[in-house]
PDB file of all heavy atoms in Angstrom:
ATOM      1  N   ALA A   1       0.837  -1.203  -0.006  1.00  0.00           N
ATOM      2  CA  ALA A   1       0.011   0.002   0.004  1.00  0.00           C
ATOM      3  C   ALA A   1       0.869   1.250  -0.005  1.00  0.00           C
ATOM      4  O   ALA A   1       0.581   2.220  -0.737  1.00  0.00           O
ATOM      5  CB  ALA A   1      -0.921  -0.011   1.231  1.00  0.00           C
ATOM      6  N   ASP A   2       1.948   1.249   0.811  1.00  0.00           N
ATOM      7  CA  ASP A   2       2.855   2.401   0.814  1.00  0.00           C
ATOM      8  C   ASP A   2       3.517   2.567  -0.548  1.00  0.00           C
ATOM      9  O   ASP A   2       3.719   3.693  -1.022  1.00  0.00           O
ATOM     10  CB  ASP A   2       3.930   2.214   1.887  1.00  0.00           C
ATOM     11  CG  ASP A   2       3.364   2.299   3.293  1.00  0.00           C
ATOM     12  OD1 ASP A   2       2.215   2.734   3.432  1.00  0.00           O
ATOM     13  OD2 ASP A   2       4.089   1.938   4.238  1.00  0.00           O
ATOM     14  N   LEU A   3       3.886   1.465  -1.173  1.00  0.00           N
ATOM     15  CA  LEU A   3       4.501   1.508  -2.481  1.00  0.00           C
ATOM     16  C   LEU A   3       3.577   2.141  -3.497  1.00  0.00           C
ATOM     17  O   LEU A   3       3.984   3.009  -4.298  1.00  0.00           O
ATOM     18  CB  LEU A   3       4.894   0.082  -2.936  1.00  0.00           C
ATOM     19  CG  LEU A   3       5.503  -0.059  -4.333  1.00  0.00           C
ATOM     20  CD1 LEU A   3       6.798   0.721  -4.421  1.00  0.00           C
ATOM     21  CD2 LEU A   3       5.760  -1.530  -4.649  1.00  0.00           C
ATOM     22  N   ALA A   4       2.307   1.742  -3.483  1.00  0.00           N
ATOM     23  CA  ALA A   4       1.324   2.317  -4.414  1.00  0.00           C
ATOM     24  C   ALA A   4       1.112   3.803  -4.139  1.00  0.00           C
ATOM     25  O   ALA A   4       1.008   4.602  -5.078  1.00  0.00           O
ATOM     26  CB  ALA A   4      -0.011   1.562  -4.289  1.00  0.00           C
ATOM     27  N   ASP A   5       1.060   4.167  -2.867  1.00  0.00           N
ATOM     28  CA  ASP A   5       0.900   5.592  -2.508  1.00  0.00           C
ATOM     29  C   ASP A   5       2.054   6.426  -3.028  1.00  0.00           C
ATOM     30  O   ASP A   5       1.861   7.502  -3.604  1.00  0.00           O
ATOM     31  CB  ASP A   5       0.779   5.737  -0.988  1.00  0.00           C
ATOM     32  CG  ASP A   5      -0.449   5.044  -0.435  1.00  0.00           C
ATOM     33  OD1 ASP A   5      -1.362   4.759  -1.209  1.00  0.00           O
ATOM     34  OD2 ASP A   5      -0.463   4.786   0.790  1.00  0.00           O
ATOM     35  N   ASN A   6       3.275   5.949  -2.789  1.00  0.00           N
ATOM     36  CA  ASN A   6       4.461   6.703  -3.207  1.00  0.00           C
ATOM     37  C   ASN A   6       4.542   6.836  -4.728  1.00  0.00           C
ATOM     38  O   ASN A   6       4.885   7.913  -5.247  1.00  0.00           O
ATOM     39  CB  ASN A   6       5.721   6.034  -2.693  1.00  0.00           C
ATOM     40  CG  ASN A   6       5.850   6.124  -1.187  1.00  0.00           C
ATOM     41  OD1 ASN A   6       6.561   5.322  -0.574  1.00  0.00           O
ATOM     42  ND2 ASN A   6       5.175   7.057  -0.541  1.00  0.00           N
ATOM     43  N   LEU A   7       4.262   5.760  -5.449  1.00  0.00           N
ATOM     44  CA  LEU A   7       4.279   5.824  -6.907  1.00  0.00           C
ATOM     45  C   LEU A   7       3.214   6.779  -7.442  1.00  0.00           C
ATOM     46  O   LEU A   7       3.434   7.500  -8.410  1.00  0.00           O
ATOM     47  CB  LEU A   7       4.072   4.416  -7.489  1.00  0.00           C
ATOM     48  CG  LEU A   7       5.247   3.454  -7.343  1.00  0.00           C
ATOM     49  CD1 LEU A   7       4.846   2.066  -7.834  1.00  0.00           C
ATOM     50  CD2 LEU A   7       6.472   3.956  -8.089  1.00  0.00           C
ATOM     51  N   THR A   8       2.060   6.786  -6.789  1.00  0.00           N
ATOM     52  CA  THR A   8       0.996   7.713  -7.171  1.00  0.00           C
ATOM     53  C   THR A   8       1.443   9.162  -6.996  1.00  0.00           C
ATOM     54  O   THR A   8       1.259  10.014  -7.865  1.00  0.00           O
ATOM     55  CB  THR A   8      -0.275   7.445  -6.354  1.00  0.00           C
ATOM     56  OG1 THR A   8      -0.729   6.121  -6.583  1.00  0.00           O
ATOM     57  CG2 THR A   8      -1.371   8.428  -6.735  1.00  0.00           C
ATOM     58  N   GLY A   9       2.064   9.435  -5.849  1.00  0.00           N
ATOM     59  CA  GLY A   9       2.545  10.791  -5.596  1.00  0.00           C
ATOM     60  C   GLY A   9       3.608  11.228  -6.588  1.00  0.00           C
ATOM     61  O   GLY A   9       3.608  12.374  -7.051  1.00  0.00           O
ATOM     62  N   PHE A  10       4.519  10.307  -6.910  1.00  0.00           N
ATOM     63  CA  PHE A  10       5.560  10.652  -7.867  1.00  0.00           C
ATOM     64  C   PHE A  10       4.966  10.915  -9.253  1.00  0.00           C
ATOM     65  O   PHE A  10       5.378  11.856  -9.946  1.00  0.00           O
ATOM     66  CB  PHE A  10       6.604   9.535  -7.948  1.00  0.00           C
ATOM     67  CG  PHE A  10       7.769   9.842  -8.807  1.00  0.00           C
ATOM     68  CD1 PHE A  10       8.723  10.767  -8.406  1.00  0.00           C
ATOM     69  CD2 PHE A  10       7.936   9.213 -10.044  1.00  0.00           C
ATOM     70  CE1 PHE A  10       9.811  11.066  -9.208  1.00  0.00           C
ATOM     71  CE2 PHE A  10       9.016   9.505 -10.836  1.00  0.00           C
ATOM     72  CZ  PHE A  10       9.959  10.434 -10.437  1.00  0.00           C
ATOM     73  N   ALA A  11       4.003  10.111  -9.666  1.00  0.00           N
ATOM     74  CA  ALA A  11       3.362  10.314 -10.959  1.00  0.00           C
ATOM     75  C   ALA A  11       2.614  11.645 -11.006  1.00  0.00           C
ATOM     76  O   ALA A  11       2.669  12.377 -12.003  1.00  0.00           O
ATOM     77  CB  ALA A  11       2.391   9.158 -11.251  1.00  0.00           C
ATOM     78  N   VAL A  12       1.914  11.983  -9.915  1.00  0.00           N
ATOM     79  CA  VAL A  12       1.219  13.281  -9.855  1.00  0.00           C
ATOM     80  C   VAL A  12       2.216  14.428  -9.955  1.00  0.00           C
ATOM     81  O   VAL A  12       2.002  15.393 -10.662  1.00  0.00           O
ATOM     82  CB  VAL A  12       0.417  13.370  -8.536  1.00  0.00           C
ATOM     83  CG1 VAL A  12      -0.112  14.802  -8.338  1.00  0.00           C
ATOM     84  CG2 VAL A  12      -0.739  12.396  -8.548  1.00  0.00           C
ATOM     85  N   GLY A  13       3.352  14.306  -9.256  1.00  0.00           N
ATOM     86  CA  GLY A  13       4.376  15.351  -9.320  1.00  0.00           C
ATOM     87  C   GLY A  13       4.956  15.499 -10.713  1.00  0.00           C
ATOM     88  O   GLY A  13       5.187  16.632 -11.166  1.00  0.00           O
ATOM     89  N   LEU A  14       5.177  14.386 -11.420  1.00  0.00           N
ATOM     90  CA  LEU A  14       5.670  14.467 -12.794  1.00  0.00           C
ATOM     91  C   LEU A  14       4.699  15.219 -13.695  1.00  0.00           C
ATOM     92  O   LEU A  14       5.102  16.065 -14.497  1.00  0.00           O
ATOM     93  CB  LEU A  14       5.901  13.060 -13.357  1.00  0.00           C
ATOM     94  CG  LEU A  14       7.191  12.331 -12.928  1.00  0.00           C
ATOM     95  CD1 LEU A  14       7.209  10.933 -13.530  1.00  0.00           C
ATOM     96  CD2 LEU A  14       8.424  13.113 -13.343  1.00  0.00           C
ATOM     97  N   VAL A  15       3.430  14.910 -13.560  1.00  0.00           N
ATOM     98  CA  VAL A  15       2.430  15.571 -14.409  1.00  0.00           C
ATOM     99  C   VAL A  15       2.389  17.071 -14.105  1.00  0.00           C
ATOM    100  O   VAL A  15       2.379  17.919 -15.030  1.00  0.00           O
ATOM    101  CB  VAL A  15       1.036  14.955 -14.186  1.00  0.00           C
ATOM    102  CG1 VAL A  15      -0.035  15.761 -14.903  1.00  0.00           C
ATOM    103  CG2 VAL A  15       1.014  13.510 -14.663  1.00  0.00           C
ATOM    104  N   VAL A  16       2.401  17.436 -12.813  1.00  0.00           N
ATOM    105  CA  VAL A  16       2.391  18.841 -12.443  1.00  0.00           C
ATOM    106  C   VAL A  16       3.641  19.544 -12.975  1.00  0.00           C
ATOM    107  O   VAL A  16       3.575  20.665 -13.525  1.00  0.00           O
ATOM    108  CB  VAL A  16       2.305  18.995 -10.913  1.00  0.00           C
ATOM    109  CG1 VAL A  16       2.500  20.444 -10.495  1.00  0.00           C
ATOM    110  CG2 VAL A  16       0.980  18.465 -10.402  1.00  0.00           C
ATOM    111  N   GLY A  17       4.795  18.909 -12.860  1.00  0.00           N
ATOM    112  CA  GLY A  17       6.025  19.503 -13.344  1.00  0.00           C
ATOM    113  C   GLY A  17       6.027  19.693 -14.850  1.00  0.00           C
ATOM    114  O   GLY A  17       6.498  20.725 -15.343  1.00  0.00           O
ATOM    115  N   LEU A  18       5.513  18.717 -15.583  1.00  0.00           N
ATOM    116  CA  LEU A  18       5.465  18.849 -17.046  1.00  0.00           C
ATOM    117  C   LEU A  18       4.528  19.964 -17.476  1.00  0.00           C
ATOM    118  O   LEU A  18       4.748  20.625 -18.505  1.00  0.00           O
ATOM    119  CB  LEU A  18       5.040  17.512 -17.669  1.00  0.00           C
ATOM    120  CG  LEU A  18       6.054  16.372 -17.528  1.00  0.00           C
ATOM    121  CD1 LEU A  18       5.472  15.090 -18.090  1.00  0.00           C
ATOM    122  CD2 LEU A  18       7.359  16.729 -18.263  1.00  0.00           C
ATOM    123  N   VAL A  19       3.446  20.168 -16.719  1.00  0.00           N
ATOM    124  CA  VAL A  19       2.522  21.268 -17.030  1.00  0.00           C
ATOM    125  C   VAL A  19       3.188  22.614 -16.771  1.00  0.00           C
ATOM    126  O   VAL A  19       3.042  23.566 -17.527  1.00  0.00           O
ATOM    127  CB  VAL A  19       1.239  21.127 -16.209  1.00  0.00           C
ATOM    128  CG1 VAL A  19       0.370  22.376 -16.340  1.00  0.00           C
ATOM    129  CG2 VAL A  19       0.468  19.888 -16.632  1.00  0.00           C
ATOM    130  N   LEU A  20       3.959  22.706 -15.678  1.00  0.00           N
ATOM    131  CA  LEU A  20       4.592  23.968 -15.308  1.00  0.00           C
ATOM    132  C   LEU A  20       5.856  24.249 -16.117  1.00  0.00           C
ATOM    133  O   LEU A  20       6.322  25.391 -16.177  1.00  0.00           O
ATOM    134  CB  LEU A  20       4.949  23.955 -13.820  1.00  0.00           C
ATOM    135  CG  LEU A  20       3.788  23.888 -12.836  1.00  0.00           C
ATOM    136  CD1 LEU A  20       4.311  23.811 -11.415  1.00  0.00           C
ATOM    137  CD2 LEU A  20       2.865  25.083 -13.012  1.00  0.00           C
ATOM    138  N   ARG A  21       6.425  23.219 -16.725  1.00  0.00           N
ATOM    139  CA  ARG A  21       7.726  23.334 -17.380  1.00  0.00           C
ATOM    140  C   ARG A  21       7.811  24.473 -18.401  1.00  0.00           C
ATOM    141  O   ARG A  21       8.786  25.245 -18.403  1.00  0.00           O
ATOM    142  CB  ARG A  21       8.082  21.983 -18.034  1.00  0.00           C
ATOM    143  CG  ARG A  21       9.464  21.945 -18.655  1.00  0.00           C
ATOM    144  CD  ARG A  21       9.708  20.564 -19.292  1.00  0.00           C
ATOM    145  NE  ARG A  21      10.989  20.549 -19.966  1.00  0.00           N
ATOM    146  CZ  ARG A  21      12.114  20.227 -19.374  1.00  0.00           C
ATOM    147  NH1 ARG A  21      12.125  19.910 -18.096  1.00  0.00           N
ATOM    148  NH2 ARG A  21      13.260  20.224 -20.061  1.00  0.00           N
ATOM    149  N   PRO A  22       6.814  24.656 -19.288  1.00  0.00           N
ATOM    150  CA  PRO A  22       6.914  25.756 -20.266  1.00  0.00           C
ATOM    151  C   PRO A  22       6.762  27.154 -19.633  1.00  0.00           C
ATOM    152  O   PRO A  22       7.076  28.145 -20.287  1.00  0.00           O
ATOM    153  CB  PRO A  22       5.763  25.484 -21.243  1.00  0.00           C
ATOM    154  CG  PRO A  22       5.333  24.077 -20.991  1.00  0.00           C
ATOM    155  CD  PRO A  22       5.613  23.833 -19.551  1.00  0.00           C
ATOM    156  N   LEU A  23       6.299  27.208 -18.398  1.00  0.00           N
ATOM    157  CA  LEU A  23       5.978  28.481 -17.774  1.00  0.00           C
ATOM    158  C   LEU A  23       7.076  28.997 -16.838  1.00  0.00           C
ATOM    159  O   LEU A  23       7.053  30.168 -16.435  1.00  0.00           O
ATOM    160  CB  LEU A  23       4.670  28.362 -16.989  1.00  0.00           C
ATOM    161  CG  LEU A  23       3.471  27.797 -17.745  1.00  0.00           C
ATOM    162  CD1 LEU A  23       2.292  27.627 -16.817  1.00  0.00           C
ATOM    163  CD2 LEU A  23       3.124  28.654 -18.940  1.00  0.00           C
ATOM    164  N   ILE A  24       8.037  28.131 -16.469  1.00  0.00           N
ATOM    165  CA  ILE A  24       9.011  28.485 -15.454  1.00  0.00           C
ATOM    166  C   ILE A  24      10.422  28.374 -16.037  1.00  0.00           C
ATOM    167  O   ILE A  24      10.772  27.347 -16.613  1.00  0.00           O
ATOM    168  CB  ILE A  24       8.898  27.564 -14.220  1.00  0.00           C
ATOM    169  CG1 ILE A  24       7.504  27.626 -13.630  1.00  0.00           C
ATOM    170  CG2 ILE A  24       9.927  27.912 -13.163  1.00  0.00           C
ATOM    171  CD1 ILE A  24       7.279  26.690 -12.479  1.00  0.00           C
ATOM    172  N   PRO A  25      11.255  29.415 -15.897  1.00  0.00           N
ATOM    173  CA  PRO A  25      12.665  29.299 -16.332  1.00  0.00           C
ATOM    174  C   PRO A  25      13.433  28.404 -15.379  1.00  0.00           C
ATOM    175  O   PRO A  25      13.503  28.667 -14.169  1.00  0.00           O
ATOM    176  CB  PRO A  25      13.169  30.758 -16.260  1.00  0.00           C
ATOM    177  CG  PRO A  25      12.280  31.421 -15.259  1.00  0.00           C
ATOM    178  CD  PRO A  25      10.930  30.748 -15.372  1.00  0.00           C
ATOM    179  N   VAL A  26      13.998  27.328 -15.901  1.00  0.00           N
ATOM    180  CA  VAL A  26      14.663  26.330 -15.052  1.00  0.00           C
ATOM    181  C   VAL A  26      16.163  26.259 -15.290  1.00  0.00           C
ATOM    182  O   VAL A  26      16.866  25.568 -14.562  1.00  0.00           O
ATOM    183  CB  VAL A  26      14.042  24.942 -15.285  1.00  0.00           C
ATOM    184  CG1 VAL A  26      12.599  24.902 -14.833  1.00  0.00           C
ATOM    185  CG2 VAL A  26      14.152  24.515 -16.761  1.00  0.00           C
ATOM    186  N   GLU A  27      16.685  26.982 -16.312  1.00  0.00           N
ATOM    187  CA  GLU A  27      18.119  26.950 -16.572  1.00  0.00           C
ATOM    188  C   GLU A  27      18.855  27.839 -15.589  1.00  0.00           C
ATOM    189  O   GLU A  27      18.339  28.844 -15.114  1.00  0.00           O
ATOM    190  CB  GLU A  27      18.455  27.408 -18.000  1.00  0.00           C
ATOM    191  CG  GLU A  27      17.857  26.551 -19.085  1.00  0.00           C
ATOM    192  CD  GLU A  27      16.482  27.031 -19.487  1.00  0.00           C
ATOM    193  OE1 GLU A  27      15.979  27.983 -18.838  1.00  0.00           O
ATOM    194  OE2 GLU A  27      15.889  26.449 -20.402  1.00  0.00           O
ATOM    195  N   ARG A  28      20.076  27.465 -15.269  1.00  0.00           N
ATOM    196  CA  ARG A  28      20.931  28.314 -14.449  1.00  0.00           C
ATOM    197  C   ARG A  28      21.341  29.526 -15.266  1.00  0.00           C
ATOM    198  O   ARG A  28      21.728  29.419 -16.416  1.00  0.00           O
ATOM    199  CB  ARG A  28      22.182  27.563 -14.012  1.00  0.00           C
ATOM    200  CG  ARG A  28      23.059  28.334 -13.024  1.00  0.00           C
ATOM    201  CD  ARG A  28      24.219  27.486 -12.556  1.00  0.00           C
ATOM    202  NE  ARG A  28      25.229  27.326 -13.587  1.00  0.00           N
ATOM    203  CZ  ARG A  28      26.270  28.168 -13.772  1.00  0.00           C
ATOM    204  NH1 ARG A  28      26.410  29.206 -12.990  1.00  0.00           N
ATOM    205  NH2 ARG A  28      27.143  27.939 -14.718  1.00  0.00           N
ATOM    206  N   ARG A  29      21.245  30.703 -14.663  1.00  0.00           N
ATOM    207  CA  ARG A  29      21.563  31.956 -15.370  1.00  0.00           C
ATOM    208  C   ARG A  29      22.683  32.687 -14.660  1.00  0.00           C
ATOM    209  O   ARG A  29      22.831  32.617 -13.462  1.00  0.00           O
ATOM    210  CB  ARG A  29      20.320  32.840 -15.494  1.00  0.00           C
ATOM    211  CG  ARG A  29      19.272  32.240 -16.407  1.00  0.00           C
ATOM    212  CD  ARG A  29      18.126  33.175 -16.652  1.00  0.00           C
ATOM    213  NE  ARG A  29      17.239  32.643 -17.676  1.00  0.00           N
ATOM    214  CZ  ARG A  29      17.369  32.841 -18.961  1.00  0.00           C
ATOM    215  NH1 ARG A  29      18.375  33.592 -19.415  1.00  0.00           N
ATOM    216  NH2 ARG A  29      16.552  32.310 -19.837  1.00  0.00           N
ATOM    217  N   LEU A  30      23.463  33.407 -15.486  1.00  0.00           N
ATOM    218  CA  LEU A  30      24.546  34.219 -14.950  1.00  0.00           C
ATOM    219  C   LEU A  30      23.994  35.472 -14.283  1.00  0.00           C
ATOM    220  O   LEU A  30      22.828  35.810 -14.479  1.00  0.00           O
ATOM    221  CB  LEU A  30      25.504  34.573 -16.083  1.00  0.00           C
ATOM    222  CG  LEU A  30      26.142  33.365 -16.792  1.00  0.00           C
ATOM    223  CD1 LEU A  30      26.974  33.832 -17.971  1.00  0.00           C
ATOM    224  CD2 LEU A  30      26.976  32.545 -15.838  1.00  0.00           C
ATOM    225  N   PRO A  31      24.805  36.188 -13.499  1.00  0.00           N
ATOM    226  CA  PRO A  31      24.310  37.392 -12.826  1.00  0.00           C
ATOM    227  C   PRO A  31      23.649  38.400 -13.740  1.00  0.00           C
ATOM    228  O   PRO A  31      22.718  39.097 -13.369  1.00  0.00           O
ATOM    229  CB  PRO A  31      25.585  37.976 -12.172  1.00  0.00           C
ATOM    230  CG  PRO A  31      26.447  36.788 -11.934  1.00  0.00           C
ATOM    231  CD  PRO A  31      26.192  35.862 -13.105  1.00  0.00           C
ATOM    232  N   GLY A  32      24.102  38.511 -15.010  1.00  0.00           N
ATOM    233  CA  GLY A  32      23.499  39.457 -15.936  1.00  0.00           C
ATOM    234  C   GLY A  32      22.196  38.993 -16.541  1.00  0.00           C
ATOM    235  O   GLY A  32      21.566  39.702 -17.300  1.00  0.00           O
ATOM    236  N   GLY A  33      21.778  37.754 -16.205  1.00  0.00           N
ATOM    237  CA  GLY A  33      20.532  37.224 -16.716  1.00  0.00           C
ATOM    238  C   GLY A  33      20.697  36.328 -17.916  1.00  0.00           C
ATOM    239  O   GLY A  33      19.732  35.718 -18.379  1.00  0.00           O
ATOM    240  N   ALA A  34      21.928  36.209 -18.444  1.00  0.00           N
ATOM    241  CA  ALA A  34      22.163  35.352 -19.600  1.00  0.00           C
ATOM    242  C   ALA A  34      22.228  33.904 -19.158  1.00  0.00           C
ATOM    243  O   ALA A  34      22.630  33.603 -18.041  1.00  0.00           O
ATOM    244  CB  ALA A  34      23.481  35.729 -20.275  1.00  0.00           C
ATOM    245  N   PRO A  35      21.816  32.953 -20.048  1.00  0.00           N
ATOM    246  CA  PRO A  35      21.908  31.540 -19.693  1.00  0.00           C
ATOM    247  C   PRO A  35      23.353  31.140 -19.454  1.00  0.00           C
ATOM    248  O   PRO A  35      24.274  31.692 -20.038  1.00  0.00           O
ATOM    249  CB  PRO A  35      21.334  30.833 -20.935  1.00  0.00           C
ATOM    250  CG  PRO A  35      20.532  31.873 -21.636  1.00  0.00           C
ATOM    251  CD  PRO A  35      21.217  33.176 -21.358  1.00  0.00           C
ATOM    252  N   ALA A  36      23.551  30.162 -18.581  1.00  0.00           N
ATOM    253  CA  ALA A  36      24.878  29.661 -18.303  1.00  0.00           C
ATOM    254  C   ALA A  36      25.419  28.918 -19.517  1.00  0.00           C
ATOM    255  O   ALA A  36      24.705  28.606 -20.466  1.00  0.00           O
ATOM    256  CB  ALA A  36      24.867  28.738 -17.084  1.00  0.00           C
ATOM    257  N   ALA A  37      26.712  28.594 -19.476  1.00  0.00           N
ATOM    258  CA  ALA A  37      27.350  27.905 -20.597  1.00  0.00           C
ATOM    259  C   ALA A  37      26.619  26.596 -20.859  1.00  0.00           C
ATOM    260  O   ALA A  37      26.269  25.853 -19.956  1.00  0.00           O
ATOM    261  CB  ALA A  37      28.807  27.621 -20.265  1.00  0.00           C
ATOM    262  N   GLY A  38      26.410  26.312 -22.153  1.00  0.00           N
ATOM    263  CA  GLY A  38      25.719  25.098 -22.550  1.00  0.00           C
ATOM    264  C   GLY A  38      24.216  25.276 -22.649  1.00  0.00           C
ATOM    265  O   GLY A  38      23.518  24.367 -23.025  1.00  0.00           O
ATOM    266  N   GLN A  39      23.707  26.460 -22.284  1.00  0.00           N
ATOM    267  CA  GLN A  39      22.280  26.735 -22.366  1.00  0.00           C
ATOM    268  C   GLN A  39      22.061  27.945 -23.262  1.00  0.00           C
ATOM    269  O   GLN A  39      22.059  29.080 -22.786  1.00  0.00           O
ATOM    270  CB  GLN A  39      21.713  26.997 -20.971  1.00  0.00           C
ATOM    271  CG  GLN A  39      21.762  25.784 -20.061  1.00  0.00           C
ATOM    272  CD  GLN A  39      20.814  24.698 -20.507  1.00  0.00           C
ATOM    273  OE1 GLN A  39      19.823  24.984 -21.192  1.00  0.00           O
ATOM    274  NE2 GLN A  39      21.080  23.479 -20.128  1.00  0.00           N
ATOM    275  N   PRO A  40      21.874  27.776 -24.556  1.00  0.00           N
ATOM    276  CA  PRO A  40      21.677  28.925 -25.429  1.00  0.00           C
ATOM    277  C   PRO A  40      20.401  29.659 -25.132  1.00  0.00           C
ATOM    278  O   PRO A  40      19.416  29.082 -24.657  1.00  0.00           O
ATOM    279  CB  PRO A  40      21.593  28.260 -26.840  1.00  0.00           C
ATOM    280  CG  PRO A  40      21.172  26.852 -26.567  1.00  0.00           C
ATOM    281  CD  PRO A  40      21.796  26.487 -25.270  1.00  0.00           C
ATOM    282  N   ALA A  41      20.420  30.959 -25.330  1.00  0.00           N
ATOM    283  CA  ALA A  41      19.239  31.761 -25.094  1.00  0.00           C
ATOM    284  C   ALA A  41      18.142  31.371 -26.072  1.00  0.00           C
ATOM    285  O   ALA A  41      18.380  30.816 -27.132  1.00  0.00           O
ATOM    286  CB  ALA A  41      19.568  33.255 -25.274  1.00  0.00           C
ATOM    287  N   ALA A  42      16.897  31.619 -25.678  1.00  0.00           N
ATOM    288  CA  ALA A  42      15.770  31.254 -26.519  1.00  0.00           C
ATOM    289  C   ALA A  42      15.882  31.946 -27.863  1.00  0.00           C
ATOM    290  O   ALA A  42      16.057  33.150 -27.948  1.00  0.00           O
ATOM    291  CB  ALA A  42      14.465  31.654 -25.822  1.00  0.00           C
TER     292      ALA A  42
END
């Protein structure tokens, strides 16, 4: 039962994260606001 509960919570979190992903900047940025190395600007 605990296993099912935990898997359910993780699946819910994944769905919420995928919905929020286009709306939240998640890349590391330099002090000036530019993306860090390896992360090209949009």
